Amino acid sequence: VWCPSCLILNKHLKKLKEEYSNLIISRLDYDMDEEKIFKYNIGDKLPVMILLDEEGNELKRLIGEKSYNEIVDFLEV
């Protein structure tokens, strides 16, 4: 709730979920999910989107506030 860029990202994620029904989106809270934040090496700059494969391996990441179109481009593997 304290990250303005994350709040903007939430709107984009809602739209993405409507357009890509097979997309699985998991959200982490920087303060509440410390173990996963450490595991994925999130760092201090938010938001961070990490694209994982079926086994949970990181394919790529996108850091910082991005437009909807930038996020769509990021999802194109």
PDB file of N, CA and C in Angstrom:
ATOM      1  N   VAL A   1       0.815  -1.209   0.000  1.00  0.00           N
ATOM      2  CA  VAL A   1       0.000   0.000   0.000  1.00  0.00           C
ATOM      3  C   VAL A   1       0.851   1.261   0.000  1.00  0.00           C
ATOM      4  N   TRP A   2       2.133   1.165   0.305  1.00  0.00           N
ATOM      5  CA  TRP A   2       2.976   2.350   0.380  1.00  0.00           C
ATOM      6  C   TRP A   2       3.733   2.613  -0.912  1.00  0.00           C
ATOM      7  N   CYS A   3       3.616   1.736  -1.891  1.00  0.00           N
ATOM      8  CA  CYS A   3       4.379   1.863  -3.133  1.00  0.00           C
ATOM      9  C   CYS A   3       3.472   2.372  -4.255  1.00  0.00           C
ATOM     10  N   PRO A   4       3.560   3.660  -4.599  1.00  0.00           N
ATOM     11  CA  PRO A   4       2.683   4.209  -5.641  1.00  0.00           C
ATOM     12  C   PRO A   4       2.840   3.508  -6.991  1.00  0.00           C
ATOM     13  N   SER A   5       4.070   3.151  -7.360  1.00  0.00           N
ATOM     14  CA  SER A   5       4.283   2.461  -8.634  1.00  0.00           C
ATOM     15  C   SER A   5       3.641   1.082  -8.640  1.00  0.00           C
ATOM     16  N   CYS A   6       3.632   0.432  -7.484  1.00  0.00           N
ATOM     17  CA  CYS A   6       2.994  -0.882  -7.379  1.00  0.00           C
ATOM     18  C   CYS A   6       1.481  -0.760  -7.535  1.00  0.00           C
ATOM     19  N   LEU A   7       0.903   0.302  -7.005  1.00  0.00           N
ATOM     20  CA  LEU A   7      -0.530   0.521  -7.147  1.00  0.00           C
ATOM     21  C   LEU A   7      -0.904   0.738  -8.612  1.00  0.00           C
ATOM     22  N   ILE A   8      -0.065   1.449  -9.339  1.00  0.00           N
ATOM     23  CA  ILE A   8      -0.295   1.638 -10.773  1.00  0.00           C
ATOM     24  C   ILE A   8      -0.167   0.298 -11.487  1.00  0.00           C
ATOM     25  N   LEU A   9       0.838  -0.490 -11.114  1.00  0.00           N
ATOM     26  CA  LEU A   9       1.034  -1.799 -11.712  1.00  0.00           C
ATOM     27  C   LEU A   9      -0.180  -2.690 -11.503  1.00  0.00           C
ATOM     28  N   ASN A  10      -0.829  -2.597 -10.347  1.00  0.00           N
ATOM     29  CA  ASN A  10      -2.005  -3.424 -10.064  1.00  0.00           C
ATOM     30  C   ASN A  10      -3.090  -3.228 -11.116  1.00  0.00           C
ATOM     31  N   LYS A  11      -3.267  -2.008 -11.599  1.00  0.00           N
ATOM     32  CA  LYS A  11      -4.266  -1.762 -12.653  1.00  0.00           C
ATOM     33  C   LYS A  11      -3.876  -2.485 -13.930  1.00  0.00           C
ATOM     34  N   HIS A  12      -2.593  -2.432 -14.263  1.00  0.00           N
ATOM     35  CA  HIS A  12      -2.108  -3.123 -15.461  1.00  0.00           C
ATOM     36  C   HIS A  12      -2.272  -4.637 -15.318  1.00  0.00           C
ATOM     37  N   LEU A  13      -1.988  -5.171 -14.134  1.00  0.00           N
ATOM     38  CA  LEU A  13      -2.100  -6.607 -13.910  1.00  0.00           C
ATOM     39  C   LEU A  13      -3.537  -7.079 -14.035  1.00  0.00           C
ATOM     40  N   LYS A  14      -4.465  -6.279 -13.568  1.00  0.00           N
ATOM     41  CA  LYS A  14      -5.883  -6.631 -13.689  1.00  0.00           C
ATOM     42  C   LYS A  14      -6.268  -6.738 -15.167  1.00  0.00           C
ATOM     43  N   LYS A  15      -5.841  -5.785 -15.963  1.00  0.00           N
ATOM     44  CA  LYS A  15      -6.128  -5.802 -17.399  1.00  0.00           C
ATOM     45  C   LYS A  15      -5.444  -6.994 -18.072  1.00  0.00           C
ATOM     46  N   LEU A  16      -4.200  -7.271 -17.690  1.00  0.00           N
ATOM     47  CA  LEU A  16      -3.483  -8.420 -18.250  1.00  0.00           C
ATOM     48  C   LEU A  16      -4.206  -9.718 -17.949  1.00  0.00           C
ATOM     49  N   LYS A  17      -4.691  -9.862 -16.732  1.00  0.00           N
ATOM     50  CA  LYS A  17      -5.400 -11.082 -16.332  1.00  0.00           C
ATOM     51  C   LYS A  17      -6.662 -11.278 -17.165  1.00  0.00           C
ATOM     52  N   GLU A  18      -7.328 -10.184 -17.523  1.00  0.00           N
ATOM     53  CA  GLU A  18      -8.524 -10.269 -18.364  1.00  0.00           C
ATOM     54  C   GLU A  18      -8.170 -10.686 -19.784  1.00  0.00           C
ATOM     55  N   GLU A  19      -7.048 -10.219 -20.297  1.00  0.00           N
ATOM     56  CA  GLU A  19      -6.662 -10.484 -21.682  1.00  0.00           C
ATOM     57  C   GLU A  19      -5.895 -11.793 -21.854  1.00  0.00           C
ATOM     58  N   TYR A  20      -5.192 -12.229 -20.822  1.00  0.00           N
ATOM     59  CA  TYR A  20      -4.402 -13.461 -20.882  1.00  0.00           C
ATOM     60  C   TYR A  20      -4.895 -14.395 -19.782  1.00  0.00           C
ATOM     61  N   SER A  21      -5.917 -15.162 -20.087  1.00  0.00           N
ATOM     62  CA  SER A  21      -6.558 -15.985 -19.059  1.00  0.00           C
ATOM     63  C   SER A  21      -5.639 -17.078 -18.510  1.00  0.00           C
ATOM     64  N   ASN A  22      -4.611 -17.470 -19.263  1.00  0.00           N
ATOM     65  CA  ASN A  22      -3.702 -18.514 -18.784  1.00  0.00           C
ATOM     66  C   ASN A  22      -2.546 -17.956 -17.955  1.00  0.00           C
ATOM     67  N   LEU A  23      -2.485 -16.660 -17.793  1.00  0.00           N
ATOM     68  CA  LEU A  23      -1.413 -16.016 -17.037  1.00  0.00           C
ATOM     69  C   LEU A  23      -1.660 -16.177 -15.537  1.00  0.00           C
ATOM     70  N   ILE A  24      -0.665 -16.681 -14.842  1.00  0.00           N
ATOM     71  CA  ILE A  24      -0.745 -16.821 -13.389  1.00  0.00           C
ATOM     72  C   ILE A  24       0.067 -15.684 -12.770  1.00  0.00           C
ATOM     73  N   ILE A  25      -0.591 -14.879 -11.960  1.00  0.00           N
ATOM     74  CA  ILE A  25       0.053 -13.729 -11.332  1.00  0.00           C
ATOM     75  C   ILE A  25       0.087 -13.947  -9.826  1.00  0.00           C
ATOM     76  N   SER A  26       1.275 -13.893  -9.267  1.00  0.00           N
ATOM     77  CA  SER A  26       1.447 -13.964  -7.815  1.00  0.00           C
ATOM     78  C   SER A  26       2.018 -12.628  -7.361  1.00  0.00           C
ATOM     79  N   ARG A  27       1.469 -12.109  -6.302  1.00  0.00           N
ATOM     80  CA  ARG A  27       1.940 -10.823  -5.776  1.00  0.00           C
ATOM     81  C   ARG A  27       2.588 -11.045  -4.425  1.00  0.00           C
ATOM     82  N   LEU A  28       3.681 -10.344  -4.213  1.00  0.00           N
ATOM     83  CA  LEU A  28       4.371 -10.398  -2.935  1.00  0.00           C
ATOM     84  C   LEU A  28       4.304  -9.037  -2.276  1.00  0.00           C
ATOM     85  N   ASP A  29       4.174  -9.050  -0.972  1.00  0.00           N
ATOM     86  CA  ASP A  29       4.219  -7.830  -0.191  1.00  0.00           C
ATOM     87  C   ASP A  29       5.634  -7.690   0.350  1.00  0.00           C
ATOM     88  N   TYR A  30       6.269  -6.580   0.044  1.00  0.00           N
ATOM     89  CA  TYR A  30       7.672  -6.372   0.405  1.00  0.00           C
ATOM     90  C   TYR A  30       7.903  -6.538   1.909  1.00  0.00           C
ATOM     91  N   ASP A  31       6.937  -6.152   2.727  1.00  0.00           N
ATOM     92  CA  ASP A  31       7.098  -6.224   4.177  1.00  0.00           C
ATOM     93  C   ASP A  31       6.662  -7.565   4.759  1.00  0.00           C
ATOM     94  N   MET A  32       5.714  -8.222   4.113  1.00  0.00           N
ATOM     95  CA  MET A  32       5.133  -9.437   4.679  1.00  0.00           C
ATOM     96  C   MET A  32       5.753 -10.721   4.126  1.00  0.00           C
ATOM     97  N   ASP A  33       6.358 -10.668   2.966  1.00  0.00           N
ATOM     98  CA  ASP A  33       6.889 -11.865   2.312  1.00  0.00           C
ATOM     99  C   ASP A  33       8.417 -11.824   2.233  1.00  0.00           C
ATOM    100  N   GLU A  34       9.051 -11.533   3.353  1.00  0.00           N
ATOM    101  CA  GLU A  34      10.493 -11.310   3.382  1.00  0.00           C
ATOM    102  C   GLU A  34      11.289 -12.495   2.841  1.00  0.00           C
ATOM    103  N   GLU A  35      10.867 -13.719   3.127  1.00  0.00           N
ATOM    104  CA  GLU A  35      11.605 -14.895   2.672  1.00  0.00           C
ATOM    105  C   GLU A  35      11.630 -14.973   1.142  1.00  0.00           C
ATOM    106  N   LYS A  36      10.494 -14.751   0.508  1.00  0.00           N
ATOM    107  CA  LYS A  36      10.432 -14.788  -0.954  1.00  0.00           C
ATOM    108  C   LYS A  36      11.124 -13.575  -1.577  1.00  0.00           C
ATOM    109  N   ILE A  37      11.032 -12.431  -0.918  1.00  0.00           N
ATOM    110  CA  ILE A  37      11.721 -11.240  -1.398  1.00  0.00           C
ATOM    111  C   ILE A  37      13.229 -11.515  -1.453  1.00  0.00           C
ATOM    112  N   PHE A  38      13.742 -12.172  -0.429  1.00  0.00           N
ATOM    113  CA  PHE A  38      15.158 -12.530  -0.387  1.00  0.00           C
ATOM    114  C   PHE A  38      15.476 -13.585  -1.454  1.00  0.00           C
ATOM    115  N   LYS A  39      14.616 -14.599  -1.556  1.00  0.00           N
ATOM    116  CA  LYS A  39      14.823 -15.696  -2.518  1.00  0.00           C
ATOM    117  C   LYS A  39      14.958 -15.163  -3.948  1.00  0.00           C
ATOM    118  N   TYR A  40      14.098 -14.219  -4.311  1.00  0.00           N
ATOM    119  CA  TYR A  40      14.102 -13.689  -5.669  1.00  0.00           C
ATOM    120  C   TYR A  40      14.993 -12.460  -5.827  1.00  0.00           C
ATOM    121  N   ASN A  41      15.714 -12.084  -4.772  1.00  0.00           N
ATOM    122  CA  ASN A  41      16.637 -10.953  -4.821  1.00  0.00           C
ATOM    123  C   ASN A  41      15.955  -9.705  -5.402  1.00  0.00           C
ATOM    124  N   ILE A  42      14.858  -9.309  -4.786  1.00  0.00           N
ATOM    125  CA  ILE A  42      14.039  -8.209  -5.285  1.00  0.00           C
ATOM    126  C   ILE A  42      14.775  -6.876  -5.241  1.00  0.00           C
ATOM    127  N   GLY A  43      15.502  -6.607  -4.193  1.00  0.00           N
ATOM    128  CA  GLY A  43      16.209  -5.332  -4.103  1.00  0.00           C
ATOM    129  C   GLY A  43      15.302  -4.221  -3.612  1.00  0.00           C
ATOM    130  N   ASP A  44      15.750  -2.968  -3.811  1.00  0.00           N
ATOM    131  CA  ASP A  44      15.025  -1.817  -3.264  1.00  0.00           C
ATOM    132  C   ASP A  44      14.146  -1.093  -4.275  1.00  0.00           C
ATOM    133  N   LYS A  45      14.400  -1.271  -5.547  1.00  0.00           N
ATOM    134  CA  LYS A  45      13.617  -0.559  -6.554  1.00  0.00           C
ATOM    135  C   LYS A  45      12.377  -1.377  -6.908  1.00  0.00           C
ATOM    136  N   LEU A  46      11.221  -0.756  -6.746  1.00  0.00           N
ATOM    137  CA  LEU A  46       9.948  -1.430  -6.981  1.00  0.00           C
ATOM    138  C   LEU A  46       9.162  -0.694  -8.055  1.00  0.00           C
ATOM    139  N   PRO A  47       8.233  -1.353  -8.690  1.00  0.00           N
ATOM    140  CA  PRO A  47       7.916  -2.775  -8.609  1.00  0.00           C
ATOM    141  C   PRO A  47       8.882  -3.621  -9.425  1.00  0.00           C
ATOM    142  N   VAL A  48       8.829  -4.912  -9.146  1.00  0.00           N
ATOM    143  CA  VAL A  48       9.632  -5.887  -9.879  1.00  0.00           C
ATOM    144  C   VAL A  48       8.690  -6.964 -10.386  1.00  0.00           C
ATOM    145  N   MET A  49       8.778  -7.252 -11.672  1.00  0.00           N
ATOM    146  CA  MET A  49       8.034  -8.369 -12.257  1.00  0.00           C
ATOM    147  C   MET A  49       9.048  -9.412 -12.683  1.00  0.00           C
ATOM    148  N   ILE A  50       8.811 -10.658 -12.284  1.00  0.00           N
ATOM    149  CA  ILE A  50       9.706 -11.746 -12.638  1.00  0.00           C
ATOM    150  C   ILE A  50       8.894 -12.782 -13.401  1.00  0.00           C
ATOM    151  N   LEU A  51       9.351 -13.110 -14.585  1.00  0.00           N
ATOM    152  CA  LEU A  51       8.706 -14.128 -15.402  1.00  0.00           C
ATOM    153  C   LEU A  51       9.390 -15.453 -15.112  1.00  0.00           C
ATOM    154  N   LEU A  52       8.591 -16.430 -14.657  1.00  0.00           N
ATOM    155  CA  LEU A  52       9.112 -17.744 -14.301  1.00  0.00           C
ATOM    156  C   LEU A  52       8.617 -18.791 -15.288  1.00  0.00           C
ATOM    157  N   ASP A  53       9.404 -19.847 -15.477  1.00  0.00           N
ATOM    158  CA  ASP A  53       8.939 -20.963 -16.291  1.00  0.00           C
ATOM    159  C   ASP A  53       8.106 -21.903 -15.422  1.00  0.00           C
ATOM    160  N   GLU A  54       7.678 -23.012 -15.995  1.00  0.00           N
ATOM    161  CA  GLU A  54       6.802 -23.949 -15.277  1.00  0.00           C
ATOM    162  C   GLU A  54       7.457 -24.542 -14.037  1.00  0.00           C
ATOM    163  N   GLU A  55       8.798 -24.611 -14.026  1.00  0.00           N
ATOM    164  CA  GLU A  55       9.516 -25.171 -12.881  1.00  0.00           C
ATOM    165  C   GLU A  55       9.884 -24.115 -11.848  1.00  0.00           C
ATOM    166  N   GLY A  56       9.533 -22.862 -12.100  1.00  0.00           N
ATOM    167  CA  GLY A  56       9.827 -21.793 -11.158  1.00  0.00           C
ATOM    168  C   GLY A  56      11.174 -21.138 -11.368  1.00  0.00           C
ATOM    169  N   ASN A  57      11.803 -21.417 -12.505  1.00  0.00           N
ATOM    170  CA  ASN A  57      13.085 -20.783 -12.826  1.00  0.00           C
ATOM    171  C   ASN A  57      12.849 -19.424 -13.469  1.00  0.00           C
ATOM    172  N   GLU A  58      13.660 -18.459 -13.087  1.00  0.00           N
ATOM    173  CA  GLU A  58      13.517 -17.111 -13.627  1.00  0.00           C
ATOM    174  C   GLU A  58      13.946 -17.061 -15.090  1.00  0.00           C
ATOM    175  N   LEU A  59      13.060 -16.522 -15.935  1.00  0.00           N
ATOM    176  CA  LEU A  59      13.377 -16.316 -17.343  1.00  0.00           C
ATOM    177  C   LEU A  59      13.904 -14.904 -17.575  1.00  0.00           C
ATOM    178  N   LYS A  60      13.228 -13.925 -16.957  1.00  0.00           N
ATOM    179  CA  LYS A  60      13.657 -12.533 -17.063  1.00  0.00           C
ATOM    180  C   LYS A  60      12.895 -11.702 -16.046  1.00  0.00           C
ATOM    181  N   ARG A  61      13.346 -10.455 -15.852  1.00  0.00           N
ATOM    182  CA  ARG A  61      12.676  -9.570 -14.899  1.00  0.00           C
ATOM    183  C   ARG A  61      12.579  -8.160 -15.465  1.00  0.00           C
ATOM    184  N   LEU A  62      11.589  -7.455 -14.965  1.00  0.00           N
ATOM    185  CA  LEU A  62      11.314  -6.080 -15.359  1.00  0.00           C
ATOM    186  C   LEU A  62      11.255  -5.262 -14.074  1.00  0.00           C
ATOM    187  N   ILE A  63      12.041  -4.197 -14.012  1.00  0.00           N
ATOM    188  CA  ILE A  63      12.154  -3.419 -12.773  1.00  0.00           C
ATOM    189  C   ILE A  63      11.707  -1.989 -13.021  1.00  0.00           C
ATOM    190  N   GLY A  64      10.901  -1.478 -12.105  1.00  0.00           N
ATOM    191  CA  GLY A  64      10.461  -0.094 -12.165  1.00  0.00           C
ATOM    192  C   GLY A  64       9.078   0.047 -12.782  1.00  0.00           C
ATOM    193  N   GLU A  65       8.560   1.256 -12.712  1.00  0.00           N
ATOM    194  CA  GLU A  65       7.230   1.545 -13.242  1.00  0.00           C
ATOM    195  C   GLU A  65       7.261   1.489 -14.766  1.00  0.00           C
ATOM    196  N   LYS A  66       6.363   0.704 -15.337  1.00  0.00           N
ATOM    197  CA  LYS A  66       6.307   0.511 -16.781  1.00  0.00           C
ATOM    198  C   LYS A  66       4.886   0.710 -17.278  1.00  0.00           C
ATOM    199  N   SER A  67       4.767   1.038 -18.552  1.00  0.00           N
ATOM    200  CA  SER A  67       3.449   1.179 -19.170  1.00  0.00           C
ATOM    201  C   SER A  67       2.870  -0.213 -19.442  1.00  0.00           C
ATOM    202  N   TYR A  68       1.600  -0.236 -19.726  1.00  0.00           N
ATOM    203  CA  TYR A  68       0.941  -1.503 -20.052  1.00  0.00           C
ATOM    204  C   TYR A  68       1.622  -2.158 -21.256  1.00  0.00           C
ATOM    205  N   ASN A  69       1.916  -1.383 -22.291  1.00  0.00           N
ATOM    206  CA  ASN A  69       2.537  -1.939 -23.494  1.00  0.00           C
ATOM    207  C   ASN A  69       3.939  -2.472 -23.215  1.00  0.00           C
ATOM    208  N   GLU A  70       4.688  -1.825 -22.349  1.00  0.00           N
ATOM    209  CA  GLU A  70       6.010  -2.328 -21.972  1.00  0.00           C
ATOM    210  C   GLU A  70       5.898  -3.681 -21.260  1.00  0.00           C
ATOM    211  N   ILE A  71       4.865  -3.833 -20.452  1.00  0.00           N
ATOM    212  CA  ILE A  71       4.660  -5.096 -19.749  1.00  0.00           C
ATOM    213  C   ILE A  71       4.271  -6.189 -20.737  1.00  0.00           C
ATOM    214  N   VAL A  72       3.401  -5.881 -21.681  1.00  0.00           N
ATOM    215  CA  VAL A  72       3.019  -6.861 -22.709  1.00  0.00           C
ATOM    216  C   VAL A  72       4.259  -7.295 -23.496  1.00  0.00           C
ATOM    217  N   ASP A  73       5.088  -6.347 -23.878  1.00  0.00           N
ATOM    218  CA  ASP A  73       6.325  -6.683 -24.591  1.00  0.00           C
ATOM    219  C   ASP A  73       7.228  -7.584 -23.740  1.00  0.00           C
ATOM    220  N   PHE A  74       7.294  -7.319 -22.458  1.00  0.00           N
ATOM    221  CA  PHE A  74       8.090  -8.121 -21.546  1.00  0.00           C
ATOM    222  C   PHE A  74       7.593  -9.565 -21.496  1.00  0.00           C
ATOM    223  N   LEU A  75       6.281  -9.742 -21.567  1.00  0.00           N
ATOM    224  CA  LEU A  75       5.706 -11.088 -21.479  1.00  0.00           C
ATOM    225  C   LEU A  75       5.924 -11.912 -22.735  1.00  0.00           C
ATOM    226  N   GLU A  76       6.211 -11.256 -23.829  1.00  0.00           N
ATOM    227  CA  GLU A  76       6.468 -11.986 -25.074  1.00  0.00           C
ATOM    228  C   GLU A  76       7.830 -12.669 -24.958  1.00  0.00           C
ATOM    229  N   VAL A  77       7.812 -13.972 -24.853  1.00  0.00           N
ATOM    230  CA  VAL A  77       9.068 -14.732 -24.667  1.00  0.00           C
ATOM    231  C   VAL A  77       9.651 -15.089 -26.009  1.00  0.00           C
TER     232      VAL A  77
END
